[in-house]
Amino acid sequence: MLVAILMLIGGLLLLIIGGEGSVRGGSSLAQRFRVPPFIIGATIIAFGTSMPELVVTLTAALKNSPGLALGNIVGSNIANLGLILGIAALLMPVSIAKSDIKKETLSILGVMILMVLFSFDGKIYQIEGIILLIAMGGFIVLTLFRIRTGPAEAETPVIPPHGTAVTVMMIIGGIAALILGGQLLVDGAVTISRMFGVSEYVIGALAVAIGTSLPEVAASVSAALHGKGELAIGNVFGSNAFNVLFVLGTGATIKPITVMENIVPDLVFFVVLTIFPLAILLIKQSLSRWQGVLLLIIYIAYVIKVIA
């Protein structure tokens, strides 16, 4: 039991360290070769913050733990919307320009619809995984197009924070930590679930999902405290899009993901936690503290439902 818990904790720590190392290393390498900042943000940073979910999902799928794989994605997205966005709004009301949220509304709703449609029957087929990956490609192209056609900003020289050798070592070390962390976390989670007779889906939707969402927690809370609500909001919805389109798409394309239990109630929570803040942002362009509290209450209700 103690060994399994230590594996779970150690795996989470390695995922966080690995994600941070690969993101910092990738960003530094891109800066050194003068890759435009918006490409860094739209590719390296977005990919890096979802690496924990990706590694866990792929490892779980390959180790025949489909419940853990899908539970991690569903639980992470719900945690992003209820827990993370709720905490961010509670600490400091977050706001976003109406033009920005209107541009992203169709993408946010599209991701939500695909997640519900493909997960409704508890199985993600390979063809559905391929569709999700194609949608991810379209999402990236659309994002880059919007950035390119947006207001021009003056470019300033960027000095890479690390030398090439250090940067490469950070990337290699980060990837190694992610792989090892994913192995430890999945093995620990599966062991604990079997010992207590809890389904892998429940472990994935709660413990593993919260753990793999820690990078988003840090990013959103920091953005809120610094008065950058757009970053907090964008981080949450962007992470959810990446989790569904790329992480779930990749996992299902490699191996169909099946969960032998009813996940419809979880999908209902996902829909509510997507539409509720989105509607408020479209109307008022901000989330107040009491609305953050309401998001947290909904998330707590979700946790109680999963545990019960």
C-alpha atoms as a PDB file:
ATOM      1  CA  MET A   1       0.000   0.000   0.000  1.00  0.00           C
ATOM      2  CA  LEU A   2       2.730   2.459   1.004  1.00  0.00           C
ATOM      3  CA  VAL A   3       4.717   1.594  -2.114  1.00  0.00           C
ATOM      4  CA  ALA A   4       1.696   2.255  -4.335  1.00  0.00           C
ATOM      5  CA  ILE A   5       1.080   5.648  -2.690  1.00  0.00           C
ATOM      6  CA  LEU A   6       4.746   6.589  -3.089  1.00  0.00           C
ATOM      7  CA  MET A   7       4.571   5.547  -6.755  1.00  0.00           C
ATOM      8  CA  LEU A   8       1.495   7.730  -7.231  1.00  0.00           C
ATOM      9  CA  ILE A   9       3.070  10.773  -5.561  1.00  0.00           C
ATOM     10  CA  GLY A  10       6.451  10.220  -7.226  1.00  0.00           C
ATOM     11  CA  GLY A  11       4.789   9.857 -10.607  1.00  0.00           C
ATOM     12  CA  LEU A  12       2.895  13.125 -10.204  1.00  0.00           C
ATOM     13  CA  LEU A  13       6.050  14.986  -9.163  1.00  0.00           C
ATOM     14  CA  LEU A  14       7.981  13.613 -12.128  1.00  0.00           C
ATOM     15  CA  LEU A  15       5.161  14.613 -14.496  1.00  0.00           C
ATOM     16  CA  ILE A  16       5.216  18.177 -13.160  1.00  0.00           C
ATOM     17  CA  ILE A  17       9.020  18.396 -13.309  1.00  0.00           C
ATOM     18  CA  GLY A  18       9.125  16.800 -16.738  1.00  0.00           C
ATOM     19  CA  GLY A  19       6.450  19.073 -18.166  1.00  0.00           C
ATOM     20  CA  GLU A  20       8.194  22.159 -16.800  1.00  0.00           C
ATOM     21  CA  GLY A  21      11.587  21.071 -18.129  1.00  0.00           C
ATOM     22  CA  SER A  22      10.341  20.213 -21.618  1.00  0.00           C
ATOM     23  CA  VAL A  23       8.392  23.489 -21.900  1.00  0.00           C
ATOM     24  CA  ARG A  24      11.274  25.675 -20.724  1.00  0.00           C
ATOM     25  CA  GLY A  25      13.771  23.818 -22.871  1.00  0.00           C
ATOM     26  CA  GLY A  26      11.557  23.903 -25.943  1.00  0.00           C
ATOM     27  CA  SER A  27      10.840  27.611 -25.520  1.00  0.00           C
ATOM     28  CA  SER A  28      14.528  28.424 -25.124  1.00  0.00           C
ATOM     29  CA  LEU A  29      15.447  26.363 -28.191  1.00  0.00           C
ATOM     30  CA  ALA A  30      12.738  28.048 -30.263  1.00  0.00           C
ATOM     31  CA  GLN A  31      13.940  31.494 -29.178  1.00  0.00           C
ATOM     32  CA  ARG A  32      17.531  30.620 -30.055  1.00  0.00           C
ATOM     33  CA  PHE A  33      16.483  29.746 -33.606  1.00  0.00           C
ATOM     34  CA  ARG A  34      14.239  32.839 -33.791  1.00  0.00           C
ATOM     35  CA  VAL A  35      10.938  31.005 -34.052  1.00  0.00           C
ATOM     36  CA  PRO A  36       8.141  33.616 -33.672  1.00  0.00           C
ATOM     37  CA  PRO A  37       6.744  33.871 -30.099  1.00  0.00           C
ATOM     38  CA  PHE A  38       3.178  33.090 -31.177  1.00  0.00           C
ATOM     39  CA  ILE A  39       4.298  29.761 -32.637  1.00  0.00           C
ATOM     40  CA  ILE A  40       6.053  28.938 -29.368  1.00  0.00           C
ATOM     41  CA  GLY A  41       2.859  29.613 -27.430  1.00  0.00           C
ATOM     42  CA  ALA A  42       0.551  27.820 -29.854  1.00  0.00           C
ATOM     43  CA  THR A  43       2.684  24.689 -30.115  1.00  0.00           C
ATOM     44  CA  ILE A  44       5.429  24.111 -27.546  1.00  0.00           C
ATOM     45  CA  ILE A  45       3.750  25.712 -24.529  1.00  0.00           C
ATOM     46  CA  ALA A  46       0.292  24.315 -25.314  1.00  0.00           C
ATOM     47  CA  PHE A  47       1.730  20.851 -25.857  1.00  0.00           C
ATOM     48  CA  GLY A  48       3.929  21.027 -22.767  1.00  0.00           C
ATOM     49  CA  THR A  49       1.160  21.936 -20.325  1.00  0.00           C
ATOM     50  CA  SER A  50      -0.885  18.934 -21.484  1.00  0.00           C
ATOM     51  CA  MET A  51       2.031  16.496 -21.540  1.00  0.00           C
ATOM     52  CA  PRO A  52       1.093  14.941 -18.153  1.00  0.00           C
ATOM     53  CA  GLU A  53      -2.394  14.088 -19.437  1.00  0.00           C
ATOM     54  CA  LEU A  54      -0.950  12.777 -22.707  1.00  0.00           C
ATOM     55  CA  VAL A  55       1.615  10.521 -21.037  1.00  0.00           C
ATOM     56  CA  VAL A  56      -0.909   9.136 -18.526  1.00  0.00           C
ATOM     57  CA  THR A  57      -3.547   8.507 -21.195  1.00  0.00           C
ATOM     58  CA  LEU A  58      -1.157   6.733 -23.573  1.00  0.00           C
ATOM     59  CA  THR A  59       0.447   4.680 -20.796  1.00  0.00           C
ATOM     60  CA  ALA A  60      -2.939   3.659 -19.401  1.00  0.00           C
ATOM     61  CA  ALA A  61      -4.270   2.715 -22.837  1.00  0.00           C
ATOM     62  CA  LEU A  62      -1.204   0.630 -23.699  1.00  0.00           C
ATOM     63  CA  LYS A  63      -1.346  -1.108 -20.296  1.00  0.00           C
ATOM     64  CA  ASN A  64      -4.993  -2.077 -20.821  1.00  0.00           C
ATOM     65  CA  SER A  65      -6.342   0.389 -18.262  1.00  0.00           C
ATOM     66  CA  PRO A  66      -8.908   2.205 -20.453  1.00  0.00           C
ATOM     67  CA  GLY A  67     -10.913   3.434 -17.473  1.00  0.00           C
ATOM     68  CA  LEU A  68      -7.901   5.304 -16.170  1.00  0.00           C
ATOM     69  CA  ALA A  69      -7.231   6.794 -19.613  1.00  0.00           C
ATOM     70  CA  LEU A  70     -10.718   8.189 -20.243  1.00  0.00           C
ATOM     71  CA  GLY A  71     -11.261   9.066 -16.582  1.00  0.00           C
ATOM     72  CA  ASN A  72      -8.099  11.184 -16.673  1.00  0.00           C
ATOM     73  CA  ILE A  73      -9.335  13.218 -19.655  1.00  0.00           C
ATOM     74  CA  VAL A  74     -12.913  13.691 -18.430  1.00  0.00           C
ATOM     75  CA  GLY A  75     -11.795  14.404 -14.869  1.00  0.00           C
ATOM     76  CA  SER A  76      -9.037  16.814 -15.960  1.00  0.00           C
ATOM     77  CA  ASN A  77     -11.428  18.848 -18.090  1.00  0.00           C
ATOM     78  CA  ILE A  78     -13.995  19.046 -15.301  1.00  0.00           C
ATOM     79  CA  ALA A  79     -11.249  20.000 -12.814  1.00  0.00           C
ATOM     80  CA  ASN A  80     -10.000  22.716 -15.192  1.00  0.00           C
ATOM     81  CA  LEU A  81     -13.449  24.284 -15.421  1.00  0.00           C
ATOM     82  CA  GLY A  82     -14.762  23.798 -11.892  1.00  0.00           C
ATOM     83  CA  LEU A  83     -11.711  23.691  -9.648  1.00  0.00           C
ATOM     84  CA  ILE A  84      -9.113  25.783 -11.485  1.00  0.00           C
ATOM     85  CA  LEU A  85     -11.326  28.457 -13.041  1.00  0.00           C
ATOM     86  CA  GLY A  86     -13.319  28.584  -9.789  1.00  0.00           C
ATOM     87  CA  ILE A  87     -10.203  29.174  -7.679  1.00  0.00           C
ATOM     88  CA  ALA A  88      -8.885  31.778 -10.133  1.00  0.00           C
ATOM     89  CA  ALA A  89     -12.154  33.747 -10.060  1.00  0.00           C
ATOM     90  CA  LEU A  90     -12.403  33.421  -6.277  1.00  0.00           C
ATOM     91  CA  LEU A  91      -8.925  34.878  -5.747  1.00  0.00           C
ATOM     92  CA  MET A  92      -9.383  37.692  -8.244  1.00  0.00           C
ATOM     93  CA  PRO A  93     -12.349  38.332 -10.594  1.00  0.00           C
ATOM     94  CA  VAL A  94     -11.178  37.420 -14.107  1.00  0.00           C
ATOM     95  CA  SER A  95     -12.224  39.212 -17.272  1.00  0.00           C
ATOM     96  CA  ILE A  96     -11.733  38.930 -21.024  1.00  0.00           C
ATOM     97  CA  ALA A  97     -12.523  41.145 -24.019  1.00  0.00           C
ATOM     98  CA  LYS A  98     -15.875  40.369 -25.630  1.00  0.00           C
ATOM     99  CA  SER A  99     -14.268  40.113 -29.075  1.00  0.00           C
ATOM    100  CA  ASP A 100     -11.823  37.471 -27.816  1.00  0.00           C
ATOM    101  CA  ILE A 101     -14.403  35.227 -26.149  1.00  0.00           C
ATOM    102  CA  LYS A 102     -16.749  35.542 -29.139  1.00  0.00           C
ATOM    103  CA  LYS A 103     -13.972  34.352 -31.455  1.00  0.00           C
ATOM    104  CA  GLU A 104     -13.383  31.270 -29.318  1.00  0.00           C
ATOM    105  CA  THR A 105     -17.010  30.361 -28.571  1.00  0.00           C
ATOM    106  CA  LEU A 106     -17.510  28.067 -31.570  1.00  0.00           C
ATOM    107  CA  SER A 107     -14.228  26.271 -30.872  1.00  0.00           C
ATOM    108  CA  ILE A 108     -15.117  25.771 -27.190  1.00  0.00           C
ATOM    109  CA  LEU A 109     -18.590  24.465 -28.004  1.00  0.00           C
ATOM    110  CA  GLY A 110     -17.219  22.292 -30.816  1.00  0.00           C
ATOM    111  CA  VAL A 111     -14.752  20.600 -28.459  1.00  0.00           C
ATOM    112  CA  MET A 112     -17.522  20.031 -25.911  1.00  0.00           C
ATOM    113  CA  ILE A 113     -19.837  18.476 -28.523  1.00  0.00           C
ATOM    114  CA  LEU A 114     -17.140  16.135 -29.860  1.00  0.00           C
ATOM    115  CA  MET A 115     -16.254  15.021 -26.331  1.00  0.00           C
ATOM    116  CA  VAL A 116     -19.885  14.230 -25.501  1.00  0.00           C
ATOM    117  CA  LEU A 117     -20.698  12.522 -28.805  1.00  0.00           C
ATOM    118  CA  PHE A 118     -17.639  10.280 -28.845  1.00  0.00           C
ATOM    119  CA  SER A 119     -17.647   9.437 -25.112  1.00  0.00           C
ATOM    120  CA  PHE A 120     -21.402   8.998 -24.660  1.00  0.00           C
ATOM    121  CA  ASP A 121     -21.337   5.233 -25.204  1.00  0.00           C
ATOM    122  CA  GLY A 122     -18.218   4.765 -23.061  1.00  0.00           C
ATOM    123  CA  LYS A 123     -15.959   3.929 -26.015  1.00  0.00           C
ATOM    124  CA  ILE A 124     -13.689   6.016 -28.232  1.00  0.00           C
ATOM    125  CA  TYR A 125     -13.028   4.199 -31.529  1.00  0.00           C
ATOM    126  CA  GLN A 126      -9.946   4.621 -33.711  1.00  0.00           C
ATOM    127  CA  ILE A 127     -11.871   6.472 -36.415  1.00  0.00           C
ATOM    128  CA  GLU A 128     -13.134   8.891 -33.773  1.00  0.00           C
ATOM    129  CA  GLY A 129      -9.560   9.367 -32.556  1.00  0.00           C
ATOM    130  CA  ILE A 130      -8.487  10.227 -36.108  1.00  0.00           C
ATOM    131  CA  ILE A 131     -11.340  12.746 -36.387  1.00  0.00           C
ATOM    132  CA  LEU A 132     -10.232  14.376 -33.134  1.00  0.00           C
ATOM    133  CA  LEU A 133      -6.642  14.670 -34.420  1.00  0.00           C
ATOM    134  CA  ILE A 134      -7.859  16.237 -37.678  1.00  0.00           C
ATOM    135  CA  ALA A 135      -9.928  18.693 -35.637  1.00  0.00           C
ATOM    136  CA  MET A 136      -6.792  19.473 -33.592  1.00  0.00           C
ATOM    137  CA  GLY A 137      -4.945  20.348 -36.777  1.00  0.00           C
ATOM    138  CA  GLY A 138      -7.773  22.654 -37.804  1.00  0.00           C
ATOM    139  CA  PHE A 139      -7.803  24.223 -34.332  1.00  0.00           C
ATOM    140  CA  ILE A 140      -4.072  25.040 -34.539  1.00  0.00           C
ATOM    141  CA  VAL A 141      -4.335  26.425 -38.094  1.00  0.00           C
ATOM    142  CA  LEU A 142      -7.294  28.608 -37.095  1.00  0.00           C
ATOM    143  CA  THR A 143      -5.464  29.879 -34.011  1.00  0.00           C
ATOM    144  CA  LEU A 144      -2.325  30.766 -35.976  1.00  0.00           C
ATOM    145  CA  PHE A 145      -4.428  32.477 -38.657  1.00  0.00           C
ATOM    146  CA  ARG A 146      -6.146  34.639 -36.045  1.00  0.00           C
ATOM    147  CA  ILE A 147      -2.807  35.583 -34.522  1.00  0.00           C
ATOM    148  CA  ARG A 148      -1.299  36.448 -37.900  1.00  0.00           C
ATOM    149  CA  THR A 149      -4.280  38.630 -38.850  1.00  0.00           C
ATOM    150  CA  GLY A 150      -4.406  40.330 -35.431  1.00  0.00           C
ATOM    151  CA  PRO A 151      -2.865  43.689 -34.529  1.00  0.00           C
ATOM    152  CA  ALA A 152       0.835  43.842 -35.305  1.00  0.00           C
ATOM    153  CA  GLU A 153       3.166  44.120 -32.348  1.00  0.00           C
ATOM    154  CA  ALA A 154       6.646  45.533 -32.324  1.00  0.00           C
ATOM    155  CA  GLU A 155       9.222  42.797 -32.147  1.00  0.00           C
ATOM    156  CA  THR A 156      11.915  43.057 -29.513  1.00  0.00           C
ATOM    157  CA  PRO A 157      15.114  41.043 -29.425  1.00  0.00           C
ATOM    158  CA  VAL A 158      14.784  37.914 -27.304  1.00  0.00           C
ATOM    159  CA  ILE A 159      17.817  36.485 -25.544  1.00  0.00           C
ATOM    160  CA  PRO A 160      17.524  32.725 -24.966  1.00  0.00           C
ATOM    161  CA  PRO A 161      17.718  32.040 -21.210  1.00  0.00           C
ATOM    162  CA  HIS A 162      19.899  28.941 -21.672  1.00  0.00           C
ATOM    163  CA  GLY A 163      22.701  27.692 -23.879  1.00  0.00           C
ATOM    164  CA  THR A 164      21.979  25.097 -26.575  1.00  0.00           C
ATOM    165  CA  ALA A 165      23.546  22.203 -24.647  1.00  0.00           C
ATOM    166  CA  VAL A 166      21.587  23.021 -21.485  1.00  0.00           C
ATOM    167  CA  THR A 167      18.399  23.445 -23.508  1.00  0.00           C
ATOM    168  CA  VAL A 168      18.759  20.052 -25.196  1.00  0.00           C
ATOM    169  CA  MET A 169      19.456  18.394 -21.837  1.00  0.00           C
ATOM    170  CA  MET A 170      16.335  20.045 -20.373  1.00  0.00           C
ATOM    171  CA  ILE A 171      14.199  18.674 -23.192  1.00  0.00           C
ATOM    172  CA  ILE A 172      15.682  15.154 -22.982  1.00  0.00           C
ATOM    173  CA  GLY A 173      15.497  15.149 -19.175  1.00  0.00           C
ATOM    174  CA  GLY A 174      11.942  16.476 -19.255  1.00  0.00           C
ATOM    175  CA  ILE A 175      10.767  13.800 -21.662  1.00  0.00           C
ATOM    176  CA  ALA A 176      12.496  11.086 -19.619  1.00  0.00           C
ATOM    177  CA  ALA A 177      10.837  12.367 -16.419  1.00  0.00           C
ATOM    178  CA  LEU A 178       7.452  12.396 -18.174  1.00  0.00           C
ATOM    179  CA  ILE A 179       7.807   8.811 -19.373  1.00  0.00           C
ATOM    180  CA  LEU A 180       8.971   7.506 -15.990  1.00  0.00           C
ATOM    181  CA  GLY A 181       6.393   9.600 -14.135  1.00  0.00           C
ATOM    182  CA  GLY A 182       3.593   8.278 -16.330  1.00  0.00           C
ATOM    183  CA  GLN A 183       4.664   4.685 -15.696  1.00  0.00           C
ATOM    184  CA  LEU A 184       4.842   5.167 -11.921  1.00  0.00           C
ATOM    185  CA  LEU A 185       1.569   7.065 -11.681  1.00  0.00           C
ATOM    186  CA  VAL A 186      -0.427   4.563 -13.736  1.00  0.00           C
ATOM    187  CA  ASP A 187       1.036   1.554 -11.908  1.00  0.00           C
ATOM    188  CA  GLY A 188       0.401   3.179  -8.506  1.00  0.00           C
ATOM    189  CA  ALA A 189      -3.134   4.228  -9.425  1.00  0.00           C
ATOM    190  CA  VAL A 190      -4.064   0.788 -10.754  1.00  0.00           C
ATOM    191  CA  THR A 191      -2.644  -0.916  -7.648  1.00  0.00           C
ATOM    192  CA  ILE A 192      -4.581   1.369  -5.285  1.00  0.00           C
ATOM    193  CA  SER A 193      -7.819   0.973  -7.233  1.00  0.00           C
ATOM    194  CA  ARG A 194      -7.553  -2.831  -7.057  1.00  0.00           C
ATOM    195  CA  MET A 195      -6.689  -2.832  -3.351  1.00  0.00           C
ATOM    196  CA  PHE A 196      -9.742  -0.770  -2.435  1.00  0.00           C
ATOM    197  CA  GLY A 197     -12.059  -2.185  -5.072  1.00  0.00           C
ATOM    198  CA  VAL A 198     -12.430   1.250  -6.677  1.00  0.00           C
ATOM    199  CA  SER A 199     -12.735   1.410 -10.458  1.00  0.00           C
ATOM    200  CA  GLU A 200      -9.822   2.725 -12.473  1.00  0.00           C
ATOM    201  CA  TYR A 201     -12.156   5.333 -13.959  1.00  0.00           C
ATOM    202  CA  VAL A 202     -12.838   6.844 -10.519  1.00  0.00           C
ATOM    203  CA  ILE A 203      -9.116   6.967  -9.685  1.00  0.00           C
ATOM    204  CA  GLY A 204      -8.425   8.568 -13.066  1.00  0.00           C
ATOM    205  CA  ALA A 205     -11.262  11.087 -12.786  1.00  0.00           C
ATOM    206  CA  LEU A 206     -10.225  12.304  -9.321  1.00  0.00           C
ATOM    207  CA  ALA A 207      -6.692  11.639  -8.031  1.00  0.00           C
ATOM    208  CA  VAL A 208      -4.917  11.356 -11.368  1.00  0.00           C
ATOM    209  CA  ALA A 209      -6.947  14.128 -13.024  1.00  0.00           C
ATOM    210  CA  ILE A 210      -6.220  16.637 -10.255  1.00  0.00           C
ATOM    211  CA  GLY A 211      -2.546  15.662 -10.261  1.00  0.00           C
ATOM    212  CA  THR A 212      -2.100  16.080 -14.010  1.00  0.00           C
ATOM    213  CA  SER A 213      -3.947  19.425 -13.851  1.00  0.00           C
ATOM    214  CA  LEU A 214      -1.453  20.950 -11.398  1.00  0.00           C
ATOM    215  CA  PRO A 215       0.441  22.833 -14.152  1.00  0.00           C
ATOM    216  CA  GLU A 216      -2.830  24.491 -15.196  1.00  0.00           C
ATOM    217  CA  VAL A 217      -3.585  25.302 -11.536  1.00  0.00           C
ATOM    218  CA  ALA A 218      -0.284  27.126 -11.140  1.00  0.00           C
ATOM    219  CA  ALA A 219      -0.621  28.978 -14.454  1.00  0.00           C
ATOM    220  CA  SER A 220      -4.227  30.110 -13.940  1.00  0.00           C
ATOM    221  CA  VAL A 221      -3.818  31.156 -10.296  1.00  0.00           C
ATOM    222  CA  SER A 222      -0.669  33.113 -11.129  1.00  0.00           C
ATOM    223  CA  ALA A 223      -2.408  34.815 -14.059  1.00  0.00           C
ATOM    224  CA  ALA A 224      -5.420  35.744 -11.907  1.00  0.00           C
ATOM    225  CA  LEU A 225      -3.274  37.169  -9.104  1.00  0.00           C
ATOM    226  CA  HIS A 226      -1.397  39.313 -11.630  1.00  0.00           C
ATOM    227  CA  GLY A 227      -4.640  40.645 -13.070  1.00  0.00           C
ATOM    228  CA  LYS A 228      -4.285  38.762 -16.358  1.00  0.00           C
ATOM    229  CA  GLY A 229      -7.708  37.160 -16.539  1.00  0.00           C
ATOM    230  CA  GLU A 230      -7.423  36.478 -20.257  1.00  0.00           C
ATOM    231  CA  LEU A 231      -4.495  34.148 -19.599  1.00  0.00           C
ATOM    232  CA  ALA A 232      -6.345  32.261 -16.868  1.00  0.00           C
ATOM    233  CA  ILE A 233      -9.453  31.820 -19.005  1.00  0.00           C
ATOM    234  CA  GLY A 234      -7.483  30.973 -22.134  1.00  0.00           C
ATOM    235  CA  ASN A 235      -5.384  28.451 -20.225  1.00  0.00           C
ATOM    236  CA  VAL A 236      -8.459  26.569 -19.002  1.00  0.00           C
ATOM    237  CA  PHE A 237     -10.384  26.420 -22.275  1.00  0.00           C
ATOM    238  CA  GLY A 238      -7.217  25.894 -24.337  1.00  0.00           C
ATOM    239  CA  SER A 239      -6.074  23.028 -22.115  1.00  0.00           C
ATOM    240  CA  ASN A 240      -9.485  21.369 -22.415  1.00  0.00           C
ATOM    241  CA  ALA A 241      -9.354  21.632 -26.200  1.00  0.00           C
ATOM    242  CA  PHE A 242      -5.878  20.100 -26.276  1.00  0.00           C
ATOM    243  CA  ASN A 243      -6.892  17.313 -23.882  1.00  0.00           C
ATOM    244  CA  VAL A 244      -9.891  16.301 -25.978  1.00  0.00           C
ATOM    245  CA  LEU A 245      -8.574  16.814 -29.499  1.00  0.00           C
ATOM    246  CA  PHE A 246      -4.936  15.790 -29.161  1.00  0.00           C
ATOM    247  CA  VAL A 247      -4.576  13.680 -26.011  1.00  0.00           C
ATOM    248  CA  LEU A 248      -7.791  11.677 -26.354  1.00  0.00           C
ATOM    249  CA  GLY A 249      -7.425  11.624 -30.139  1.00  0.00           C
ATOM    250  CA  THR A 250      -3.896  10.221 -29.949  1.00  0.00           C
ATOM    251  CA  GLY A 251      -4.807   7.625 -27.327  1.00  0.00           C
ATOM    252  CA  ALA A 252      -7.847   6.361 -29.245  1.00  0.00           C
ATOM    253  CA  THR A 253      -6.005   6.298 -32.567  1.00  0.00           C
ATOM    254  CA  ILE A 254      -3.295   4.063 -31.095  1.00  0.00           C
ATOM    255  CA  LYS A 255      -5.788   1.849 -29.278  1.00  0.00           C
ATOM    256  CA  PRO A 256      -9.599   2.173 -28.883  1.00  0.00           C
ATOM    257  CA  ILE A 257     -10.523   3.288 -25.372  1.00  0.00           C
ATOM    258  CA  THR A 258     -13.424   1.472 -23.698  1.00  0.00           C
ATOM    259  CA  VAL A 259     -14.924   2.105 -20.257  1.00  0.00           C
ATOM    260  CA  MET A 260     -17.392  -0.437 -18.926  1.00  0.00           C
ATOM    261  CA  GLU A 261     -19.403   1.951 -16.765  1.00  0.00           C
ATOM    262  CA  ASN A 262     -21.874   4.819 -17.125  1.00  0.00           C
ATOM    263  CA  ILE A 263     -20.061   8.096 -17.721  1.00  0.00           C
ATOM    264  CA  VAL A 264     -23.132  10.065 -18.853  1.00  0.00           C
ATOM    265  CA  PRO A 265     -23.451  11.910 -15.474  1.00  0.00           C
ATOM    266  CA  ASP A 266     -19.809  13.003 -15.778  1.00  0.00           C
ATOM    267  CA  LEU A 267     -20.480  14.320 -19.278  1.00  0.00           C
ATOM    268  CA  VAL A 268     -23.460  16.285 -17.917  1.00  0.00           C
ATOM    269  CA  PHE A 269     -21.152  17.964 -15.391  1.00  0.00           C
ATOM    270  CA  PHE A 270     -18.704  18.704 -18.209  1.00  0.00           C
ATOM    271  CA  VAL A 271     -21.422  20.350 -20.319  1.00  0.00           C
ATOM    272  CA  VAL A 272     -22.733  22.428 -17.399  1.00  0.00           C
ATOM    273  CA  LEU A 273     -19.235  23.560 -16.385  1.00  0.00           C
ATOM    274  CA  THR A 274     -18.496  24.528 -19.997  1.00  0.00           C
ATOM    275  CA  ILE A 275     -21.694  26.403 -20.819  1.00  0.00           C
ATOM    276  CA  PHE A 276     -22.130  28.175 -17.452  1.00  0.00           C
ATOM    277  CA  PRO A 277     -18.865  30.211 -17.432  1.00  0.00           C
ATOM    278  CA  LEU A 278     -18.953  30.630 -21.219  1.00  0.00           C
ATOM    279  CA  ALA A 279     -22.446  32.186 -21.103  1.00  0.00           C
ATOM    280  CA  ILE A 280     -21.424  34.568 -18.305  1.00  0.00           C
ATOM    281  CA  LEU A 281     -18.277  35.619 -20.175  1.00  0.00           C
ATOM    282  CA  LEU A 282     -20.284  36.273 -23.330  1.00  0.00           C
ATOM    283  CA  ILE A 283     -22.767  38.439 -21.400  1.00  0.00           C
ATOM    284  CA  LYS A 284     -20.564  40.223 -18.845  1.00  0.00           C
ATOM    285  CA  GLN A 285     -17.004  39.462 -20.077  1.00  0.00           C
ATOM    286  CA  SER A 286     -15.972  38.590 -16.510  1.00  0.00           C
ATOM    287  CA  LEU A 287     -16.358  36.023 -13.737  1.00  0.00           C
ATOM    288  CA  SER A 288     -16.960  37.401 -10.246  1.00  0.00           C
ATOM    289  CA  ARG A 289     -15.926  35.852  -6.935  1.00  0.00           C
ATOM    290  CA  TRP A 290     -19.397  34.475  -6.197  1.00  0.00           C
ATOM    291  CA  GLN A 291     -19.482  32.864  -9.647  1.00  0.00           C
ATOM    292  CA  GLY A 292     -16.092  31.318  -8.856  1.00  0.00           C
ATOM    293  CA  VAL A 293     -17.601  29.936  -5.643  1.00  0.00           C
ATOM    294  CA  LEU A 294     -20.490  28.474  -7.652  1.00  0.00           C
ATOM    295  CA  LEU A 295     -18.035  26.750 -10.003  1.00  0.00           C
ATOM    296  CA  LEU A 296     -16.266  25.247  -6.986  1.00  0.00           C
ATOM    297  CA  ILE A 297     -19.585  24.062  -5.523  1.00  0.00           C
ATOM    298  CA  ILE A 298     -20.443  22.321  -8.794  1.00  0.00           C
ATOM    299  CA  TYR A 299     -17.032  20.660  -8.796  1.00  0.00           C
ATOM    300  CA  ILE A 300     -17.459  19.499  -5.197  1.00  0.00           C
ATOM    301  CA  ALA A 301     -20.835  18.039  -6.190  1.00  0.00           C
ATOM    302  CA  TYR A 302     -19.063  16.176  -8.995  1.00  0.00           C
ATOM    303  CA  VAL A 303     -16.485  14.752  -6.575  1.00  0.00           C
ATOM    304  CA  ILE A 304     -19.236  13.583  -4.224  1.00  0.00           C
ATOM    305  CA  LYS A 305     -21.055  11.964  -7.138  1.00  0.00           C
ATOM    306  CA  VAL A 306     -17.938  10.091  -8.266  1.00  0.00           C
ATOM    307  CA  ILE A 307     -17.065   8.879  -4.764  1.00  0.00           C
ATOM    308  CA  ALA A 308     -20.618   7.908  -3.785  1.00  0.00           C
END
